[in-house]
Amino acid sequence: MIFSGSLITVKENKLNDVTEFLKNYPQVEIYTSSEDKQNIVVAIEAESDEELEELSNTLNSNENIINIAHHYFHFEEEVEEIEKGNKRNISLKGFGKKNKKQL
């Protein structure tokens, strides 16, 4: 299980539309929004790094979402699986600044 604390930046005057859109995803928990109504603070829960990447790509396909920035990750269970030999690694590919700029 991977938990991510993320910031979703939205187009001007689209906060409510994006908030309603995010409610369709039970893996996304909305915490608050910025005073300028252009950022939403969320927690995202995924079973794996692949699932997190897939969900991020799906959310990014919304025309009113400008960017999703993952600010912290917690993946203790993933590390335990690696230590047991049940999983090879955690890739988290596509989540670094270098990769995001290519999108």
N, C-alpha and C. Protein backbone atom coordinates (compact mmCIF):
# COMPACT_ATOMS: atom_id res chain seq x y z
N MET A 1 0.84 -1.18 0.00
CA MET A 1 0.00 0.00 0.00
C MET A 1 0.89 1.24 0.00
N ILE A 2 0.55 2.18 -0.84
CA ILE A 2 1.28 3.45 -0.92
C ILE A 2 0.32 4.58 -0.62
N PHE A 3 0.76 5.49 0.22
CA PHE A 3 0.00 6.69 0.54
C PHE A 3 0.78 7.88 0.03
N SER A 4 0.08 8.81 -0.61
CA SER A 4 0.73 10.01 -1.13
C SER A 4 -0.04 11.25 -0.69
N GLY A 5 0.69 12.24 -0.22
CA GLY A 5 0.10 13.55 0.05
C GLY A 5 0.37 14.40 -1.17
N SER A 6 -0.67 14.91 -1.79
CA SER A 6 -0.51 15.55 -3.09
C SER A 6 -1.25 16.87 -3.17
N LEU A 7 -0.80 17.70 -4.10
CA LEU A 7 -1.41 19.00 -4.36
C LEU A 7 -1.88 18.99 -5.81
N ILE A 8 -3.16 19.24 -6.01
CA ILE A 8 -3.73 19.27 -7.36
C ILE A 8 -4.01 20.72 -7.72
N THR A 9 -3.38 21.19 -8.78
CA THR A 9 -3.58 22.56 -9.25
C THR A 9 -4.63 22.54 -10.36
N VAL A 10 -5.61 23.43 -10.24
CA VAL A 10 -6.74 23.44 -11.17
C VAL A 10 -6.81 24.78 -11.91
N LYS A 11 -7.52 24.75 -13.03
CA LYS A 11 -7.73 25.98 -13.79
C LYS A 11 -8.59 26.95 -12.98
N GLU A 12 -8.44 28.22 -13.31
CA GLU A 12 -9.19 29.27 -12.62
C GLU A 12 -10.69 29.01 -12.72
N ASN A 13 -11.38 29.18 -11.61
CA ASN A 13 -12.83 29.00 -11.51
C ASN A 13 -13.30 27.57 -11.75
N LYS A 14 -12.43 26.60 -11.59
CA LYS A 14 -12.80 25.19 -11.82
C LYS A 14 -12.66 24.33 -10.57
N LEU A 15 -12.46 24.96 -9.42
CA LEU A 15 -12.26 24.21 -8.18
C LEU A 15 -13.45 23.29 -7.89
N ASN A 16 -14.66 23.80 -7.98
CA ASN A 16 -15.84 22.98 -7.67
C ASN A 16 -15.99 21.82 -8.65
N ASP A 17 -15.73 22.08 -9.93
CA ASP A 17 -15.83 21.01 -10.93
C ASP A 17 -14.84 19.89 -10.64
N VAL A 18 -13.61 20.26 -10.32
CA VAL A 18 -12.58 19.25 -10.04
C VAL A 18 -12.88 18.53 -8.74
N THR A 19 -13.36 19.26 -7.73
CA THR A 19 -13.72 18.63 -6.46
C THR A 19 -14.79 17.57 -6.68
N GLU A 20 -15.80 17.88 -7.47
CA GLU A 20 -16.85 16.90 -7.77
C GLU A 20 -16.28 15.71 -8.55
N PHE A 21 -15.39 15.98 -9.48
CA PHE A 21 -14.74 14.92 -10.26
C PHE A 21 -13.96 13.98 -9.34
N LEU A 22 -13.21 14.54 -8.39
CA LEU A 22 -12.39 13.73 -7.49
C LEU A 22 -13.23 12.85 -6.58
N LYS A 23 -14.45 13.26 -6.29
CA LYS A 23 -15.33 12.46 -5.42
C LYS A 23 -15.69 11.12 -6.05
N ASN A 24 -15.45 10.96 -7.35
CA ASN A 24 -15.70 9.69 -8.03
C ASN A 24 -14.61 8.66 -7.77
N TYR A 25 -13.54 9.07 -7.10
CA TYR A 25 -12.39 8.21 -6.86
C TYR A 25 -12.22 7.98 -5.36
N PRO A 26 -12.64 6.82 -4.87
CA PRO A 26 -12.56 6.56 -3.42
C PRO A 26 -11.12 6.52 -2.90
N GLN A 27 -10.14 6.38 -3.78
CA GLN A 27 -8.74 6.37 -3.37
C GLN A 27 -8.23 7.78 -3.03
N VAL A 28 -9.01 8.80 -3.39
CA VAL A 28 -8.61 10.19 -3.19
C VAL A 28 -9.44 10.80 -2.07
N GLU A 29 -8.75 11.29 -1.05
CA GLU A 29 -9.42 11.96 0.06
C GLU A 29 -9.07 13.44 0.01
N ILE A 30 -10.09 14.27 -0.09
CA ILE A 30 -9.90 15.72 -0.19
C ILE A 30 -9.81 16.30 1.21
N TYR A 31 -8.77 17.12 1.44
CA TYR A 31 -8.58 17.74 2.75
C TYR A 31 -8.96 19.21 2.77
N THR A 32 -8.45 19.99 1.84
CA THR A 32 -8.72 21.43 1.85
C THR A 32 -8.35 22.01 0.49
N SER A 33 -8.65 23.28 0.32
CA SER A 33 -8.24 24.00 -0.88
C SER A 33 -7.60 25.32 -0.48
N SER A 34 -6.82 25.87 -1.39
CA SER A 34 -6.13 27.13 -1.10
C SER A 34 -7.11 28.30 -1.18
N GLU A 35 -6.73 29.40 -0.56
CA GLU A 35 -7.58 30.59 -0.55
C GLU A 35 -7.85 31.11 -1.96
N ASP A 36 -6.88 30.95 -2.86
CA ASP A 36 -7.07 31.43 -4.23
C ASP A 36 -7.89 30.45 -5.08
N LYS A 37 -8.29 29.34 -4.48
CA LYS A 37 -9.14 28.33 -5.11
C LYS A 37 -8.51 27.69 -6.35
N GLN A 38 -7.18 27.58 -6.34
CA GLN A 38 -6.51 26.96 -7.48
C GLN A 38 -5.75 25.70 -7.10
N ASN A 39 -5.74 25.34 -5.81
CA ASN A 39 -5.04 24.14 -5.36
C ASN A 39 -5.91 23.35 -4.39
N ILE A 40 -5.87 22.05 -4.53
CA ILE A 40 -6.60 21.15 -3.65
C ILE A 40 -5.58 20.22 -2.99
N VAL A 41 -5.64 20.11 -1.68
CA VAL A 41 -4.76 19.20 -0.95
C VAL A 41 -5.50 17.88 -0.78
N VAL A 42 -4.86 16.79 -1.22
CA VAL A 42 -5.48 15.47 -1.16
C VAL A 42 -4.50 14.43 -0.62
N ALA A 43 -5.06 13.33 -0.16
CA ALA A 43 -4.29 12.13 0.15
C ALA A 43 -4.77 11.07 -0.83
N ILE A 44 -3.82 10.34 -1.39
CA ILE A 44 -4.14 9.29 -2.35
C ILE A 44 -3.61 7.97 -1.81
N GLU A 45 -4.45 6.95 -1.88
CA GLU A 45 -4.08 5.61 -1.42
C GLU A 45 -4.13 4.67 -2.61
N ALA A 46 -3.05 3.90 -2.80
CA ALA A 46 -2.99 2.96 -3.92
C ALA A 46 -2.33 1.66 -3.45
N GLU A 47 -2.67 0.58 -4.11
CA GLU A 47 -2.11 -0.73 -3.76
C GLU A 47 -0.65 -0.87 -4.17
N SER A 48 -0.25 -0.15 -5.22
CA SER A 48 1.13 -0.27 -5.72
C SER A 48 1.54 1.02 -6.41
N ASP A 49 2.83 1.13 -6.72
CA ASP A 49 3.30 2.31 -7.44
C ASP A 49 2.71 2.36 -8.84
N GLU A 50 2.48 1.20 -9.44
CA GLU A 50 1.86 1.16 -10.76
C GLU A 50 0.44 1.70 -10.71
N GLU A 51 -0.30 1.31 -9.67
CA GLU A 51 -1.68 1.79 -9.52
C GLU A 51 -1.71 3.29 -9.27
N LEU A 52 -0.76 3.80 -8.49
CA LEU A 52 -0.68 5.23 -8.22
C LEU A 52 -0.39 5.99 -9.51
N GLU A 53 0.52 5.47 -10.31
CA GLU A 53 0.84 6.12 -11.59
C GLU A 53 -0.37 6.11 -12.52
N GLU A 54 -1.06 4.98 -12.59
CA GLU A 54 -2.24 4.88 -13.45
C GLU A 54 -3.33 5.85 -13.00
N LEU A 55 -3.59 5.92 -11.70
CA LEU A 55 -4.59 6.84 -11.18
C LEU A 55 -4.20 8.29 -11.46
N SER A 56 -2.93 8.61 -11.27
CA SER A 56 -2.45 9.97 -11.53
C SER A 56 -2.66 10.34 -13.00
N ASN A 57 -2.37 9.42 -13.89
CA ASN A 57 -2.58 9.67 -15.32
C ASN A 57 -4.06 9.87 -15.63
N THR A 58 -4.91 9.07 -15.01
CA THR A 58 -6.35 9.21 -15.20
C THR A 58 -6.84 10.57 -14.72
N LEU A 59 -6.42 10.96 -13.52
CA LEU A 59 -6.83 12.25 -12.98
C LEU A 59 -6.31 13.39 -13.85
N ASN A 60 -5.07 13.27 -14.31
CA ASN A 60 -4.47 14.31 -15.16
C ASN A 60 -5.18 14.48 -16.49
N SER A 61 -5.96 13.49 -16.89
CA SER A 61 -6.68 13.59 -18.17
C SER A 61 -7.86 14.56 -18.07
N ASN A 62 -8.24 14.95 -16.86
CA ASN A 62 -9.31 15.93 -16.70
C ASN A 62 -8.81 17.28 -17.20
N GLU A 63 -9.55 17.88 -18.10
CA GLU A 63 -9.12 19.14 -18.73
C GLU A 63 -8.98 20.30 -17.74
N ASN A 64 -9.59 20.20 -16.57
CA ASN A 64 -9.53 21.28 -15.58
C ASN A 64 -8.38 21.12 -14.58
N ILE A 65 -7.68 20.00 -14.66
CA ILE A 65 -6.52 19.78 -13.78
C ILE A 65 -5.26 20.18 -14.53
N ILE A 66 -4.51 21.10 -13.94
CA ILE A 66 -3.27 21.57 -14.55
C ILE A 66 -2.11 20.64 -14.18
N ASN A 67 -2.05 20.24 -12.90
CA ASN A 67 -0.92 19.45 -12.43
C ASN A 67 -1.28 18.71 -11.15
N ILE A 68 -0.65 17.56 -10.96
CA ILE A 68 -0.74 16.84 -9.70
C ILE A 68 0.69 16.69 -9.19
N ALA A 69 0.96 17.29 -8.04
CA ALA A 69 2.30 17.24 -7.45
C ALA A 69 2.25 16.39 -6.19
N HIS A 70 2.95 15.27 -6.22
CA HIS A 70 3.02 14.39 -5.05
C HIS A 70 4.14 14.90 -4.15
N HIS A 71 3.79 15.27 -2.92
CA HIS A 71 4.77 15.89 -2.03
C HIS A 71 5.37 14.93 -1.01
N TYR A 72 4.67 13.88 -0.67
CA TYR A 72 5.28 12.87 0.20
C TYR A 72 4.67 11.52 -0.10
N PHE A 73 5.45 10.49 0.19
CA PHE A 73 5.01 9.11 0.02
C PHE A 73 5.26 8.34 1.30
N HIS A 74 4.36 7.42 1.58
CA HIS A 74 4.58 6.46 2.66
C HIS A 74 4.33 5.09 2.05
N PHE A 75 5.34 4.25 2.06
CA PHE A 75 5.19 2.93 1.44
C PHE A 75 5.86 1.84 2.25
N GLU A 76 5.66 1.88 3.56
CA GLU A 76 6.28 0.90 4.46
C GLU A 76 5.93 -0.53 4.09
N GLU A 77 4.67 -0.79 3.75
CA GLU A 77 4.27 -2.15 3.39
C GLU A 77 5.01 -2.63 2.14
N GLU A 78 5.25 -1.73 1.20
CA GLU A 78 5.98 -2.08 -0.01
C GLU A 78 7.41 -2.50 0.33
N VAL A 79 8.05 -1.77 1.24
CA VAL A 79 9.41 -2.10 1.67
C VAL A 79 9.43 -3.47 2.33
N GLU A 80 8.44 -3.75 3.16
CA GLU A 80 8.37 -5.06 3.82
C GLU A 80 8.25 -6.18 2.79
N GLU A 81 7.49 -5.96 1.72
CA GLU A 81 7.35 -6.96 0.67
C GLU A 81 8.68 -7.18 -0.06
N ILE A 82 9.42 -6.12 -0.28
CA ILE A 82 10.74 -6.24 -0.91
C ILE A 82 11.67 -7.04 -0.01
N GLU A 83 11.66 -6.73 1.28
CA GLU A 83 12.52 -7.44 2.24
C GLU A 83 12.20 -8.93 2.29
N LYS A 84 10.93 -9.28 2.12
CA LYS A 84 10.52 -10.69 2.12
C LYS A 84 10.83 -11.38 0.80
N GLY A 85 11.22 -10.59 -0.20
CA GLY A 85 11.50 -11.16 -1.51
C GLY A 85 10.28 -11.30 -2.38
N ASN A 86 9.16 -10.73 -1.97
CA ASN A 86 7.92 -10.84 -2.73
C ASN A 86 7.79 -9.80 -3.84
N LYS A 87 8.61 -8.77 -3.79
CA LYS A 87 8.56 -7.72 -4.79
C LYS A 87 9.98 -7.25 -5.05
N ARG A 88 10.27 -6.90 -6.29
CA ARG A 88 11.64 -6.53 -6.66
C ARG A 88 12.00 -5.11 -6.25
N ASN A 89 11.17 -4.15 -6.57
CA ASN A 89 11.50 -2.76 -6.24
C ASN A 89 10.26 -1.87 -6.33
N ILE A 90 10.44 -0.65 -5.90
CA ILE A 90 9.41 0.37 -6.04
C ILE A 90 9.94 1.34 -7.07
N SER A 91 9.27 1.46 -8.19
CA SER A 91 9.83 2.29 -9.25
C SER A 91 9.49 3.77 -9.08
N LEU A 92 8.25 4.09 -8.78
CA LEU A 92 7.78 5.48 -8.71
C LEU A 92 8.25 6.29 -9.92
N LYS A 93 8.42 5.60 -11.04
CA LYS A 93 8.83 6.29 -12.26
C LYS A 93 7.73 7.28 -12.66
N GLY A 94 8.15 8.35 -13.25
CA GLY A 94 7.19 9.34 -13.70
C GLY A 94 6.77 10.34 -12.65
N PHE A 95 7.28 10.21 -11.43
CA PHE A 95 6.86 11.11 -10.37
C PHE A 95 7.89 12.19 -10.05
N GLY A 96 9.07 12.12 -10.65
CA GLY A 96 10.09 13.14 -10.41
C GLY A 96 9.86 14.37 -11.27
N LYS A 97 10.46 15.49 -10.89
CA LYS A 97 10.29 16.74 -11.64
C LYS A 97 10.72 16.58 -13.09
N LYS A 98 11.81 15.88 -13.32
CA LYS A 98 12.31 15.71 -14.68
C LYS A 98 11.26 15.04 -15.56
N ASN A 99 10.65 13.98 -15.07
CA ASN A 99 9.65 13.25 -15.83
C ASN A 99 8.37 14.06 -15.99
N LYS A 100 7.97 14.80 -14.98
CA LYS A 100 6.73 15.57 -15.04
C LYS A 100 6.82 16.66 -16.09
N LYS A 101 8.00 17.27 -16.25
CA LYS A 101 8.16 18.35 -17.23
C LYS A 101 8.00 17.83 -18.65
N GLN A 102 8.23 16.55 -18.87
CA GLN A 102 8.11 15.99 -20.20
C GLN A 102 6.65 15.78 -20.60
N LEU A 103 5.74 15.80 -19.64
CA LEU A 103 4.33 15.57 -19.95
C LEU A 103 3.76 16.67 -20.73
